[in-house]
Amino acid sequence: FSRSAPAHSLSLLAIQRFPRDYTG
């Protein structure tokens, strides 16, 4: 039961808005 969820998680999100309404 102690291993029934990840002990750690990480997310890194980079969002860039470009000219002419483009986004990445």
PDBML (XML) file of the C-alpha atoms, coordinates in Angstrom:
<?xml version="1.0" encoding="UTF-8" ?>
<PDBx:datablock datablockName="MODEL"
   xmlns:PDBx="http://pdbml.pdb.org/schema/pdbx-v50.xsd"
   xmlns:xsi="http://www.w3.org/2001/XMLSchema-instance"
   xsi:schemaLocation="http://pdbml.pdb.org/schema/pdbx-v50.xsd pdbx-v50.xsd">
   <PDBx:atom_siteCategory>
      <PDBx:atom_site id="1">
         <PDBx:B_iso_or_equiv>0.00</PDBx:B_iso_or_equiv>
         <PDBx:Cartn_x>0.000</PDBx:Cartn_x>
         <PDBx:Cartn_y>0.000</PDBx:Cartn_y>
         <PDBx:Cartn_z>0.000</PDBx:Cartn_z>
         <PDBx:auth_asym_id>A</PDBx:auth_asym_id>
         <PDBx:auth_atom_id>CA</PDBx:auth_atom_id>
         <PDBx:auth_comp_id>PHE</PDBx:auth_comp_id>
         <PDBx:auth_seq_id>1</PDBx:auth_seq_id>
         <PDBx:group_PDB>ATOM</PDBx:group_PDB>
         <PDBx:label_alt_id xsi:nil="true" />
         <PDBx:label_asym_id>A</PDBx:label_asym_id>
         <PDBx:label_atom_id>CA</PDBx:label_atom_id>
         <PDBx:label_comp_id>PHE</PDBx:label_comp_id>
         <PDBx:label_entity_id>1</PDBx:label_entity_id>
         <PDBx:label_seq_id>1</PDBx:label_seq_id>
         <PDBx:occupancy>1.00</PDBx:occupancy>
         <PDBx:pdbx_PDB_model_num>1</PDBx:pdbx_PDB_model_num>
         <PDBx:type_symbol>C</PDBx:type_symbol>
      </PDBx:atom_site>
      <PDBx:atom_site id="2">
         <PDBx:B_iso_or_equiv>0.00</PDBx:B_iso_or_equiv>
         <PDBx:Cartn_x>2.885</PDBx:Cartn_x>
         <PDBx:Cartn_y>2.383</PDBx:Cartn_y>
         <PDBx:Cartn_z>0.725</PDBx:Cartn_z>
         <PDBx:auth_asym_id>A</PDBx:auth_asym_id>
         <PDBx:auth_atom_id>CA</PDBx:auth_atom_id>
         <PDBx:auth_comp_id>SER</PDBx:auth_comp_id>
         <PDBx:auth_seq_id>2</PDBx:auth_seq_id>
         <PDBx:group_PDB>ATOM</PDBx:group_PDB>
         <PDBx:label_alt_id xsi:nil="true" />
         <PDBx:label_asym_id>A</PDBx:label_asym_id>
         <PDBx:label_atom_id>CA</PDBx:label_atom_id>
         <PDBx:label_comp_id>SER</PDBx:label_comp_id>
         <PDBx:label_entity_id>1</PDBx:label_entity_id>
         <PDBx:label_seq_id>2</PDBx:label_seq_id>
         <PDBx:occupancy>1.00</PDBx:occupancy>
         <PDBx:pdbx_PDB_model_num>1</PDBx:pdbx_PDB_model_num>
         <PDBx:type_symbol>C</PDBx:type_symbol>
      </PDBx:atom_site>
      <PDBx:atom_site id="3">
         <PDBx:B_iso_or_equiv>0.00</PDBx:B_iso_or_equiv>
         <PDBx:Cartn_x>3.935</PDBx:Cartn_x>
         <PDBx:Cartn_y>2.092</PDBx:Cartn_y>
         <PDBx:Cartn_z>-2.939</PDBx:Cartn_z>
         <PDBx:auth_asym_id>A</PDBx:auth_asym_id>
         <PDBx:auth_atom_id>CA</PDBx:auth_atom_id>
         <PDBx:auth_comp_id>ARG</PDBx:auth_comp_id>
         <PDBx:auth_seq_id>3</PDBx:auth_seq_id>
         <PDBx:group_PDB>ATOM</PDBx:group_PDB>
         <PDBx:label_alt_id xsi:nil="true" />
         <PDBx:label_asym_id>A</PDBx:label_asym_id>
         <PDBx:label_atom_id>CA</PDBx:label_atom_id>
         <PDBx:label_comp_id>ARG</PDBx:label_comp_id>
         <PDBx:label_entity_id>1</PDBx:label_entity_id>
         <PDBx:label_seq_id>3</PDBx:label_seq_id>
         <PDBx:occupancy>1.00</PDBx:occupancy>
         <PDBx:pdbx_PDB_model_num>1</PDBx:pdbx_PDB_model_num>
         <PDBx:type_symbol>C</PDBx:type_symbol>
      </PDBx:atom_site>
      <PDBx:atom_site id="4">
         <PDBx:B_iso_or_equiv>0.00</PDBx:B_iso_or_equiv>
         <PDBx:Cartn_x>0.420</PDBx:Cartn_x>
         <PDBx:Cartn_y>2.647</PDBx:Cartn_y>
         <PDBx:Cartn_z>-4.343</PDBx:Cartn_z>
         <PDBx:auth_asym_id>A</PDBx:auth_asym_id>
         <PDBx:auth_atom_id>CA</PDBx:auth_atom_id>
         <PDBx:auth_comp_id>SER</PDBx:auth_comp_id>
         <PDBx:auth_seq_id>4</PDBx:auth_seq_id>
         <PDBx:group_PDB>ATOM</PDBx:group_PDB>
         <PDBx:label_alt_id xsi:nil="true" />
         <PDBx:label_asym_id>A</PDBx:label_asym_id>
         <PDBx:label_atom_id>CA</PDBx:label_atom_id>
         <PDBx:label_comp_id>SER</PDBx:label_comp_id>
         <PDBx:label_entity_id>1</PDBx:label_entity_id>
         <PDBx:label_seq_id>4</PDBx:label_seq_id>
         <PDBx:occupancy>1.00</PDBx:occupancy>
         <PDBx:pdbx_PDB_model_num>1</PDBx:pdbx_PDB_model_num>
         <PDBx:type_symbol>C</PDBx:type_symbol>
      </PDBx:atom_site>
      <PDBx:atom_site id="5">
         <PDBx:B_iso_or_equiv>0.00</PDBx:B_iso_or_equiv>
         <PDBx:Cartn_x>1.262</PDBx:Cartn_x>
         <PDBx:Cartn_y>6.210</PDBx:Cartn_y>
         <PDBx:Cartn_z>-5.424</PDBx:Cartn_z>
         <PDBx:auth_asym_id>A</PDBx:auth_asym_id>
         <PDBx:auth_atom_id>CA</PDBx:auth_atom_id>
         <PDBx:auth_comp_id>ALA</PDBx:auth_comp_id>
         <PDBx:auth_seq_id>5</PDBx:auth_seq_id>
         <PDBx:group_PDB>ATOM</PDBx:group_PDB>
         <PDBx:label_alt_id xsi:nil="true" />
         <PDBx:label_asym_id>A</PDBx:label_asym_id>
         <PDBx:label_atom_id>CA</PDBx:label_atom_id>
         <PDBx:label_comp_id>ALA</PDBx:label_comp_id>
         <PDBx:label_entity_id>1</PDBx:label_entity_id>
         <PDBx:label_seq_id>5</PDBx:label_seq_id>
         <PDBx:occupancy>1.00</PDBx:occupancy>
         <PDBx:pdbx_PDB_model_num>1</PDBx:pdbx_PDB_model_num>
         <PDBx:type_symbol>C</PDBx:type_symbol>
      </PDBx:atom_site>
      <PDBx:atom_site id="6">
         <PDBx:B_iso_or_equiv>0.00</PDBx:B_iso_or_equiv>
         <PDBx:Cartn_x>4.506</PDBx:Cartn_x>
         <PDBx:Cartn_y>7.661</PDBx:Cartn_y>
         <PDBx:Cartn_z>-6.774</PDBx:Cartn_z>
         <PDBx:auth_asym_id>A</PDBx:auth_asym_id>
         <PDBx:auth_atom_id>CA</PDBx:auth_atom_id>
         <PDBx:auth_comp_id>PRO</PDBx:auth_comp_id>
         <PDBx:auth_seq_id>6</PDBx:auth_seq_id>
         <PDBx:group_PDB>ATOM</PDBx:group_PDB>
         <PDBx:label_alt_id xsi:nil="true" />
         <PDBx:label_asym_id>A</PDBx:label_asym_id>
         <PDBx:label_atom_id>CA</PDBx:label_atom_id>
         <PDBx:label_comp_id>PRO</PDBx:label_comp_id>
         <PDBx:label_entity_id>1</PDBx:label_entity_id>
         <PDBx:label_seq_id>6</PDBx:label_seq_id>
         <PDBx:occupancy>1.00</PDBx:occupancy>
         <PDBx:pdbx_PDB_model_num>1</PDBx:pdbx_PDB_model_num>
         <PDBx:type_symbol>C</PDBx:type_symbol>
      </PDBx:atom_site>
      <PDBx:atom_site id="7">
         <PDBx:B_iso_or_equiv>0.00</PDBx:B_iso_or_equiv>
         <PDBx:Cartn_x>6.685</PDBx:Cartn_x>
         <PDBx:Cartn_y>8.961</PDBx:Cartn_y>
         <PDBx:Cartn_z>-3.941</PDBx:Cartn_z>
         <PDBx:auth_asym_id>A</PDBx:auth_asym_id>
         <PDBx:auth_atom_id>CA</PDBx:auth_atom_id>
         <PDBx:auth_comp_id>ALA</PDBx:auth_comp_id>
         <PDBx:auth_seq_id>7</PDBx:auth_seq_id>
         <PDBx:group_PDB>ATOM</PDBx:group_PDB>
         <PDBx:label_alt_id xsi:nil="true" />
         <PDBx:label_asym_id>A</PDBx:label_asym_id>
         <PDBx:label_atom_id>CA</PDBx:label_atom_id>
         <PDBx:label_comp_id>ALA</PDBx:label_comp_id>
         <PDBx:label_entity_id>1</PDBx:label_entity_id>
         <PDBx:label_seq_id>7</PDBx:label_seq_id>
         <PDBx:occupancy>1.00</PDBx:occupancy>
         <PDBx:pdbx_PDB_model_num>1</PDBx:pdbx_PDB_model_num>
         <PDBx:type_symbol>C</PDBx:type_symbol>
      </PDBx:atom_site>
      <PDBx:atom_site id="8">
         <PDBx:B_iso_or_equiv>0.00</PDBx:B_iso_or_equiv>
         <PDBx:Cartn_x>7.657</PDBx:Cartn_x>
         <PDBx:Cartn_y>11.900</PDBx:Cartn_y>
         <PDBx:Cartn_z>-6.143</PDBx:Cartn_z>
         <PDBx:auth_asym_id>A</PDBx:auth_asym_id>
         <PDBx:auth_atom_id>CA</PDBx:auth_atom_id>
         <PDBx:auth_comp_id>HIS</PDBx:auth_comp_id>
         <PDBx:auth_seq_id>8</PDBx:auth_seq_id>
         <PDBx:group_PDB>ATOM</PDBx:group_PDB>
         <PDBx:label_alt_id xsi:nil="true" />
         <PDBx:label_asym_id>A</PDBx:label_asym_id>
         <PDBx:label_atom_id>CA</PDBx:label_atom_id>
         <PDBx:label_comp_id>HIS</PDBx:label_comp_id>
         <PDBx:label_entity_id>1</PDBx:label_entity_id>
         <PDBx:label_seq_id>8</PDBx:label_seq_id>
         <PDBx:occupancy>1.00</PDBx:occupancy>
         <PDBx:pdbx_PDB_model_num>1</PDBx:pdbx_PDB_model_num>
         <PDBx:type_symbol>C</PDBx:type_symbol>
      </PDBx:atom_site>
      <PDBx:atom_site id="9">
         <PDBx:B_iso_or_equiv>0.00</PDBx:B_iso_or_equiv>
         <PDBx:Cartn_x>6.546</PDBx:Cartn_x>
         <PDBx:Cartn_y>13.643</PDBx:Cartn_y>
         <PDBx:Cartn_z>-9.313</PDBx:Cartn_z>
         <PDBx:auth_asym_id>A</PDBx:auth_asym_id>
         <PDBx:auth_atom_id>CA</PDBx:auth_atom_id>
         <PDBx:auth_comp_id>SER</PDBx:auth_comp_id>
         <PDBx:auth_seq_id>9</PDBx:auth_seq_id>
         <PDBx:group_PDB>ATOM</PDBx:group_PDB>
         <PDBx:label_alt_id xsi:nil="true" />
         <PDBx:label_asym_id>A</PDBx:label_asym_id>
         <PDBx:label_atom_id>CA</PDBx:label_atom_id>
         <PDBx:label_comp_id>SER</PDBx:label_comp_id>
         <PDBx:label_entity_id>1</PDBx:label_entity_id>
         <PDBx:label_seq_id>9</PDBx:label_seq_id>
         <PDBx:occupancy>1.00</PDBx:occupancy>
         <PDBx:pdbx_PDB_model_num>1</PDBx:pdbx_PDB_model_num>
         <PDBx:type_symbol>C</PDBx:type_symbol>
      </PDBx:atom_site>
      <PDBx:atom_site id="10">
         <PDBx:B_iso_or_equiv>0.00</PDBx:B_iso_or_equiv>
         <PDBx:Cartn_x>7.776</PDBx:Cartn_x>
         <PDBx:Cartn_y>16.675</PDBx:Cartn_y>
         <PDBx:Cartn_z>-11.179</PDBx:Cartn_z>
         <PDBx:auth_asym_id>A</PDBx:auth_asym_id>
         <PDBx:auth_atom_id>CA</PDBx:auth_atom_id>
         <PDBx:auth_comp_id>LEU</PDBx:auth_comp_id>
         <PDBx:auth_seq_id>10</PDBx:auth_seq_id>
         <PDBx:group_PDB>ATOM</PDBx:group_PDB>
         <PDBx:label_alt_id xsi:nil="true" />
         <PDBx:label_asym_id>A</PDBx:label_asym_id>
         <PDBx:label_atom_id>CA</PDBx:label_atom_id>
         <PDBx:label_comp_id>LEU</PDBx:label_comp_id>
         <PDBx:label_entity_id>1</PDBx:label_entity_id>
         <PDBx:label_seq_id>10</PDBx:label_seq_id>
         <PDBx:occupancy>1.00</PDBx:occupancy>
         <PDBx:pdbx_PDB_model_num>1</PDBx:pdbx_PDB_model_num>
         <PDBx:type_symbol>C</PDBx:type_symbol>
      </PDBx:atom_site>
      <PDBx:atom_site id="11">
         <PDBx:B_iso_or_equiv>0.00</PDBx:B_iso_or_equiv>
         <PDBx:Cartn_x>6.547</PDBx:Cartn_x>
         <PDBx:Cartn_y>18.735</PDBx:Cartn_y>
         <PDBx:Cartn_z>-14.115</PDBx:Cartn_z>
         <PDBx:auth_asym_id>A</PDBx:auth_asym_id>
         <PDBx:auth_atom_id>CA</PDBx:auth_atom_id>
         <PDBx:auth_comp_id>SER</PDBx:auth_comp_id>
         <PDBx:auth_seq_id>11</PDBx:auth_seq_id>
         <PDBx:group_PDB>ATOM</PDBx:group_PDB>
         <PDBx:label_alt_id xsi:nil="true" />
         <PDBx:label_asym_id>A</PDBx:label_asym_id>
         <PDBx:label_atom_id>CA</PDBx:label_atom_id>
         <PDBx:label_comp_id>SER</PDBx:label_comp_id>
         <PDBx:label_entity_id>1</PDBx:label_entity_id>
         <PDBx:label_seq_id>11</PDBx:label_seq_id>
         <PDBx:occupancy>1.00</PDBx:occupancy>
         <PDBx:pdbx_PDB_model_num>1</PDBx:pdbx_PDB_model_num>
         <PDBx:type_symbol>C</PDBx:type_symbol>
      </PDBx:atom_site>
      <PDBx:atom_site id="12">
         <PDBx:B_iso_or_equiv>0.00</PDBx:B_iso_or_equiv>
         <PDBx:Cartn_x>8.246</PDBx:Cartn_x>
         <PDBx:Cartn_y>21.598</PDBx:Cartn_y>
         <PDBx:Cartn_z>-15.899</PDBx:Cartn_z>
         <PDBx:auth_asym_id>A</PDBx:auth_asym_id>
         <PDBx:auth_atom_id>CA</PDBx:auth_atom_id>
         <PDBx:auth_comp_id>LEU</PDBx:auth_comp_id>
         <PDBx:auth_seq_id>12</PDBx:auth_seq_id>
         <PDBx:group_PDB>ATOM</PDBx:group_PDB>
         <PDBx:label_alt_id xsi:nil="true" />
         <PDBx:label_asym_id>A</PDBx:label_asym_id>
         <PDBx:label_atom_id>CA</PDBx:label_atom_id>
         <PDBx:label_comp_id>LEU</PDBx:label_comp_id>
         <PDBx:label_entity_id>1</PDBx:label_entity_id>
         <PDBx:label_seq_id>12</PDBx:label_seq_id>
         <PDBx:occupancy>1.00</PDBx:occupancy>
         <PDBx:pdbx_PDB_model_num>1</PDBx:pdbx_PDB_model_num>
         <PDBx:type_symbol>C</PDBx:type_symbol>
      </PDBx:atom_site>
      <PDBx:atom_site id="13">
         <PDBx:B_iso_or_equiv>0.00</PDBx:B_iso_or_equiv>
         <PDBx:Cartn_x>6.239</PDBx:Cartn_x>
         <PDBx:Cartn_y>23.571</PDBx:Cartn_y>
         <PDBx:Cartn_z>-18.448</PDBx:Cartn_z>
         <PDBx:auth_asym_id>A</PDBx:auth_asym_id>
         <PDBx:auth_atom_id>CA</PDBx:auth_atom_id>
         <PDBx:auth_comp_id>LEU</PDBx:auth_comp_id>
         <PDBx:auth_seq_id>13</PDBx:auth_seq_id>
         <PDBx:group_PDB>ATOM</PDBx:group_PDB>
         <PDBx:label_alt_id xsi:nil="true" />
         <PDBx:label_asym_id>A</PDBx:label_asym_id>
         <PDBx:label_atom_id>CA</PDBx:label_atom_id>
         <PDBx:label_comp_id>LEU</PDBx:label_comp_id>
         <PDBx:label_entity_id>1</PDBx:label_entity_id>
         <PDBx:label_seq_id>13</PDBx:label_seq_id>
         <PDBx:occupancy>1.00</PDBx:occupancy>
         <PDBx:pdbx_PDB_model_num>1</PDBx:pdbx_PDB_model_num>
         <PDBx:type_symbol>C</PDBx:type_symbol>
      </PDBx:atom_site>
      <PDBx:atom_site id="14">
         <PDBx:B_iso_or_equiv>0.00</PDBx:B_iso_or_equiv>
         <PDBx:Cartn_x>7.583</PDBx:Cartn_x>
         <PDBx:Cartn_y>26.340</PDBx:Cartn_y>
         <PDBx:Cartn_z>-20.696</PDBx:Cartn_z>
         <PDBx:auth_asym_id>A</PDBx:auth_asym_id>
         <PDBx:auth_atom_id>CA</PDBx:auth_atom_id>
         <PDBx:auth_comp_id>ALA</PDBx:auth_comp_id>
         <PDBx:auth_seq_id>14</PDBx:auth_seq_id>
         <PDBx:group_PDB>ATOM</PDBx:group_PDB>
         <PDBx:label_alt_id xsi:nil="true" />
         <PDBx:label_asym_id>A</PDBx:label_asym_id>
         <PDBx:label_atom_id>CA</PDBx:label_atom_id>
         <PDBx:label_comp_id>ALA</PDBx:label_comp_id>
         <PDBx:label_entity_id>1</PDBx:label_entity_id>
         <PDBx:label_seq_id>14</PDBx:label_seq_id>
         <PDBx:occupancy>1.00</PDBx:occupancy>
         <PDBx:pdbx_PDB_model_num>1</PDBx:pdbx_PDB_model_num>
         <PDBx:type_symbol>C</PDBx:type_symbol>
      </PDBx:atom_site>
      <PDBx:atom_site id="15">
         <PDBx:B_iso_or_equiv>0.00</PDBx:B_iso_or_equiv>
         <PDBx:Cartn_x>5.073</PDBx:Cartn_x>
         <PDBx:Cartn_y>28.441</PDBx:Cartn_y>
         <PDBx:Cartn_z>-22.625</PDBx:Cartn_z>
         <PDBx:auth_asym_id>A</PDBx:auth_asym_id>
         <PDBx:auth_atom_id>CA</PDBx:auth_atom_id>
         <PDBx:auth_comp_id>ILE</PDBx:auth_comp_id>
         <PDBx:auth_seq_id>15</PDBx:auth_seq_id>
         <PDBx:group_PDB>ATOM</PDBx:group_PDB>
         <PDBx:label_alt_id xsi:nil="true" />
         <PDBx:label_asym_id>A</PDBx:label_asym_id>
         <PDBx:label_atom_id>CA</PDBx:label_atom_id>
         <PDBx:label_comp_id>ILE</PDBx:label_comp_id>
         <PDBx:label_entity_id>1</PDBx:label_entity_id>
         <PDBx:label_seq_id>15</PDBx:label_seq_id>
         <PDBx:occupancy>1.00</PDBx:occupancy>
         <PDBx:pdbx_PDB_model_num>1</PDBx:pdbx_PDB_model_num>
         <PDBx:type_symbol>C</PDBx:type_symbol>
      </PDBx:atom_site>
      <PDBx:atom_site id="16">
         <PDBx:B_iso_or_equiv>0.00</PDBx:B_iso_or_equiv>
         <PDBx:Cartn_x>6.140</PDBx:Cartn_x>
         <PDBx:Cartn_y>30.919</PDBx:Cartn_y>
         <PDBx:Cartn_z>-25.303</PDBx:Cartn_z>
         <PDBx:auth_asym_id>A</PDBx:auth_asym_id>
         <PDBx:auth_atom_id>CA</PDBx:auth_atom_id>
         <PDBx:auth_comp_id>GLN</PDBx:auth_comp_id>
         <PDBx:auth_seq_id>16</PDBx:auth_seq_id>
         <PDBx:group_PDB>ATOM</PDBx:group_PDB>
         <PDBx:label_alt_id xsi:nil="true" />
         <PDBx:label_asym_id>A</PDBx:label_asym_id>
         <PDBx:label_atom_id>CA</PDBx:label_atom_id>
         <PDBx:label_comp_id>GLN</PDBx:label_comp_id>
         <PDBx:label_entity_id>1</PDBx:label_entity_id>
         <PDBx:label_seq_id>16</PDBx:label_seq_id>
         <PDBx:occupancy>1.00</PDBx:occupancy>
         <PDBx:pdbx_PDB_model_num>1</PDBx:pdbx_PDB_model_num>
         <PDBx:type_symbol>C</PDBx:type_symbol>
      </PDBx:atom_site>
      <PDBx:atom_site id="17">
         <PDBx:B_iso_or_equiv>0.00</PDBx:B_iso_or_equiv>
         <PDBx:Cartn_x>3.852</PDBx:Cartn_x>
         <PDBx:Cartn_y>33.327</PDBx:Cartn_y>
         <PDBx:Cartn_z>-27.122</PDBx:Cartn_z>
         <PDBx:auth_asym_id>A</PDBx:auth_asym_id>
         <PDBx:auth_atom_id>CA</PDBx:auth_atom_id>
         <PDBx:auth_comp_id>ARG</PDBx:auth_comp_id>
         <PDBx:auth_seq_id>17</PDBx:auth_seq_id>
         <PDBx:group_PDB>ATOM</PDBx:group_PDB>
         <PDBx:label_alt_id xsi:nil="true" />
         <PDBx:label_asym_id>A</PDBx:label_asym_id>
         <PDBx:label_atom_id>CA</PDBx:label_atom_id>
         <PDBx:label_comp_id>ARG</PDBx:label_comp_id>
         <PDBx:label_entity_id>1</PDBx:label_entity_id>
         <PDBx:label_seq_id>17</PDBx:label_seq_id>
         <PDBx:occupancy>1.00</PDBx:occupancy>
         <PDBx:pdbx_PDB_model_num>1</PDBx:pdbx_PDB_model_num>
         <PDBx:type_symbol>C</PDBx:type_symbol>
      </PDBx:atom_site>
      <PDBx:atom_site id="18">
         <PDBx:B_iso_or_equiv>0.00</PDBx:B_iso_or_equiv>
         <PDBx:Cartn_x>5.111</PDBx:Cartn_x>
         <PDBx:Cartn_y>34.306</PDBx:Cartn_y>
         <PDBx:Cartn_z>-30.567</PDBx:Cartn_z>
         <PDBx:auth_asym_id>A</PDBx:auth_asym_id>
         <PDBx:auth_atom_id>CA</PDBx:auth_atom_id>
         <PDBx:auth_comp_id>PHE</PDBx:auth_comp_id>
         <PDBx:auth_seq_id>18</PDBx:auth_seq_id>
         <PDBx:group_PDB>ATOM</PDBx:group_PDB>
         <PDBx:label_alt_id xsi:nil="true" />
         <PDBx:label_asym_id>A</PDBx:label_asym_id>
         <PDBx:label_atom_id>CA</PDBx:label_atom_id>
         <PDBx:label_comp_id>PHE</PDBx:label_comp_id>
         <PDBx:label_entity_id>1</PDBx:label_entity_id>
         <PDBx:label_seq_id>18</PDBx:label_seq_id>
         <PDBx:occupancy>1.00</PDBx:occupancy>
         <PDBx:pdbx_PDB_model_num>1</PDBx:pdbx_PDB_model_num>
         <PDBx:type_symbol>C</PDBx:type_symbol>
      </PDBx:atom_site>
      <PDBx:atom_site id="19">
         <PDBx:B_iso_or_equiv>0.00</PDBx:B_iso_or_equiv>
         <PDBx:Cartn_x>4.033</PDBx:Cartn_x>
         <PDBx:Cartn_y>37.096</PDBx:Cartn_y>
         <PDBx:Cartn_z>-32.938</PDBx:Cartn_z>
         <PDBx:auth_asym_id>A</PDBx:auth_asym_id>
         <PDBx:auth_atom_id>CA</PDBx:auth_atom_id>
         <PDBx:auth_comp_id>PRO</PDBx:auth_comp_id>
         <PDBx:auth_seq_id>19</PDBx:auth_seq_id>
         <PDBx:group_PDB>ATOM</PDBx:group_PDB>
         <PDBx:label_alt_id xsi:nil="true" />
         <PDBx:label_asym_id>A</PDBx:label_asym_id>
         <PDBx:label_atom_id>CA</PDBx:label_atom_id>
         <PDBx:label_comp_id>PRO</PDBx:label_comp_id>
         <PDBx:label_entity_id>1</PDBx:label_entity_id>
         <PDBx:label_seq_id>19</PDBx:label_seq_id>
         <PDBx:occupancy>1.00</PDBx:occupancy>
         <PDBx:pdbx_PDB_model_num>1</PDBx:pdbx_PDB_model_num>
         <PDBx:type_symbol>C</PDBx:type_symbol>
      </PDBx:atom_site>
      <PDBx:atom_site id="20">
         <PDBx:B_iso_or_equiv>0.00</PDBx:B_iso_or_equiv>
         <PDBx:Cartn_x>0.889</PDBx:Cartn_x>
         <PDBx:Cartn_y>36.669</PDBx:Cartn_y>
         <PDBx:Cartn_z>-35.046</PDBx:Cartn_z>
         <PDBx:auth_asym_id>A</PDBx:auth_asym_id>
         <PDBx:auth_atom_id>CA</PDBx:auth_atom_id>
         <PDBx:auth_comp_id>ARG</PDBx:auth_comp_id>
         <PDBx:auth_seq_id>20</PDBx:auth_seq_id>
         <PDBx:group_PDB>ATOM</PDBx:group_PDB>
         <PDBx:label_alt_id xsi:nil="true" />
         <PDBx:label_asym_id>A</PDBx:label_asym_id>
         <PDBx:label_atom_id>CA</PDBx:label_atom_id>
         <PDBx:label_comp_id>ARG</PDBx:label_comp_id>
         <PDBx:label_entity_id>1</PDBx:label_entity_id>
         <PDBx:label_seq_id>20</PDBx:label_seq_id>
         <PDBx:occupancy>1.00</PDBx:occupancy>
         <PDBx:pdbx_PDB_model_num>1</PDBx:pdbx_PDB_model_num>
         <PDBx:type_symbol>C</PDBx:type_symbol>
      </PDBx:atom_site>
      <PDBx:atom_site id="21">
         <PDBx:B_iso_or_equiv>0.00</PDBx:B_iso_or_equiv>
         <PDBx:Cartn_x>-0.946</PDBx:Cartn_x>
         <PDBx:Cartn_y>34.709</PDBx:Cartn_y>
         <PDBx:Cartn_z>-32.324</PDBx:Cartn_z>
         <PDBx:auth_asym_id>A</PDBx:auth_asym_id>
         <PDBx:auth_atom_id>CA</PDBx:auth_atom_id>
         <PDBx:auth_comp_id>ASP</PDBx:auth_comp_id>
         <PDBx:auth_seq_id>21</PDBx:auth_seq_id>
         <PDBx:group_PDB>ATOM</PDBx:group_PDB>
         <PDBx:label_alt_id xsi:nil="true" />
         <PDBx:label_asym_id>A</PDBx:label_asym_id>
         <PDBx:label_atom_id>CA</PDBx:label_atom_id>
         <PDBx:label_comp_id>ASP</PDBx:label_comp_id>
         <PDBx:label_entity_id>1</PDBx:label_entity_id>
         <PDBx:label_seq_id>21</PDBx:label_seq_id>
         <PDBx:occupancy>1.00</PDBx:occupancy>
         <PDBx:pdbx_PDB_model_num>1</PDBx:pdbx_PDB_model_num>
         <PDBx:type_symbol>C</PDBx:type_symbol>
      </PDBx:atom_site>
      <PDBx:atom_site id="22">
         <PDBx:B_iso_or_equiv>0.00</PDBx:B_iso_or_equiv>
         <PDBx:Cartn_x>1.264</PDBx:Cartn_x>
         <PDBx:Cartn_y>31.625</PDBx:Cartn_y>
         <PDBx:Cartn_z>-32.363</PDBx:Cartn_z>
         <PDBx:auth_asym_id>A</PDBx:auth_asym_id>
         <PDBx:auth_atom_id>CA</PDBx:auth_atom_id>
         <PDBx:auth_comp_id>TYR</PDBx:auth_comp_id>
         <PDBx:auth_seq_id>22</PDBx:auth_seq_id>
         <PDBx:group_PDB>ATOM</PDBx:group_PDB>
         <PDBx:label_alt_id xsi:nil="true" />
         <PDBx:label_asym_id>A</PDBx:label_asym_id>
         <PDBx:label_atom_id>CA</PDBx:label_atom_id>
         <PDBx:label_comp_id>TYR</PDBx:label_comp_id>
         <PDBx:label_entity_id>1</PDBx:label_entity_id>
         <PDBx:label_seq_id>22</PDBx:label_seq_id>
         <PDBx:occupancy>1.00</PDBx:occupancy>
         <PDBx:pdbx_PDB_model_num>1</PDBx:pdbx_PDB_model_num>
         <PDBx:type_symbol>C</PDBx:type_symbol>
      </PDBx:atom_site>
      <PDBx:atom_site id="23">
         <PDBx:B_iso_or_equiv>0.00</PDBx:B_iso_or_equiv>
         <PDBx:Cartn_x>1.960</PDBx:Cartn_x>
         <PDBx:Cartn_y>29.822</PDBx:Cartn_y>
         <PDBx:Cartn_z>-29.078</PDBx:Cartn_z>
         <PDBx:auth_asym_id>A</PDBx:auth_asym_id>
         <PDBx:auth_atom_id>CA</PDBx:auth_atom_id>
         <PDBx:auth_comp_id>THR</PDBx:auth_comp_id>
         <PDBx:auth_seq_id>23</PDBx:auth_seq_id>
         <PDBx:group_PDB>ATOM</PDBx:group_PDB>
         <PDBx:label_alt_id xsi:nil="true" />
         <PDBx:label_asym_id>A</PDBx:label_asym_id>
         <PDBx:label_atom_id>CA</PDBx:label_atom_id>
         <PDBx:label_comp_id>THR</PDBx:label_comp_id>
         <PDBx:label_entity_id>1</PDBx:label_entity_id>
         <PDBx:label_seq_id>23</PDBx:label_seq_id>
         <PDBx:occupancy>1.00</PDBx:occupancy>
         <PDBx:pdbx_PDB_model_num>1</PDBx:pdbx_PDB_model_num>
         <PDBx:type_symbol>C</PDBx:type_symbol>
      </PDBx:atom_site>
      <PDBx:atom_site id="24">
         <PDBx:B_iso_or_equiv>0.00</PDBx:B_iso_or_equiv>
         <PDBx:Cartn_x>4.318</PDBx:Cartn_x>
         <PDBx:Cartn_y>26.968</PDBx:Cartn_y>
         <PDBx:Cartn_z>-28.277</PDBx:Cartn_z>
         <PDBx:auth_asym_id>A</PDBx:auth_asym_id>
         <PDBx:auth_atom_id>CA</PDBx:auth_atom_id>
         <PDBx:auth_comp_id>GLY</PDBx:auth_comp_id>
         <PDBx:auth_seq_id>24</PDBx:auth_seq_id>
         <PDBx:group_PDB>ATOM</PDBx:group_PDB>
         <PDBx:label_alt_id xsi:nil="true" />
         <PDBx:label_asym_id>A</PDBx:label_asym_id>
         <PDBx:label_atom_id>CA</PDBx:label_atom_id>
         <PDBx:label_comp_id>GLY</PDBx:label_comp_id>
         <PDBx:label_entity_id>1</PDBx:label_entity_id>
         <PDBx:label_seq_id>24</PDBx:label_seq_id>
         <PDBx:occupancy>1.00</PDBx:occupancy>
         <PDBx:pdbx_PDB_model_num>1</PDBx:pdbx_PDB_model_num>
         <PDBx:type_symbol>C</PDBx:type_symbol>
      </PDBx:atom_site>
   </PDBx:atom_siteCategory>
</PDBx:datablock>
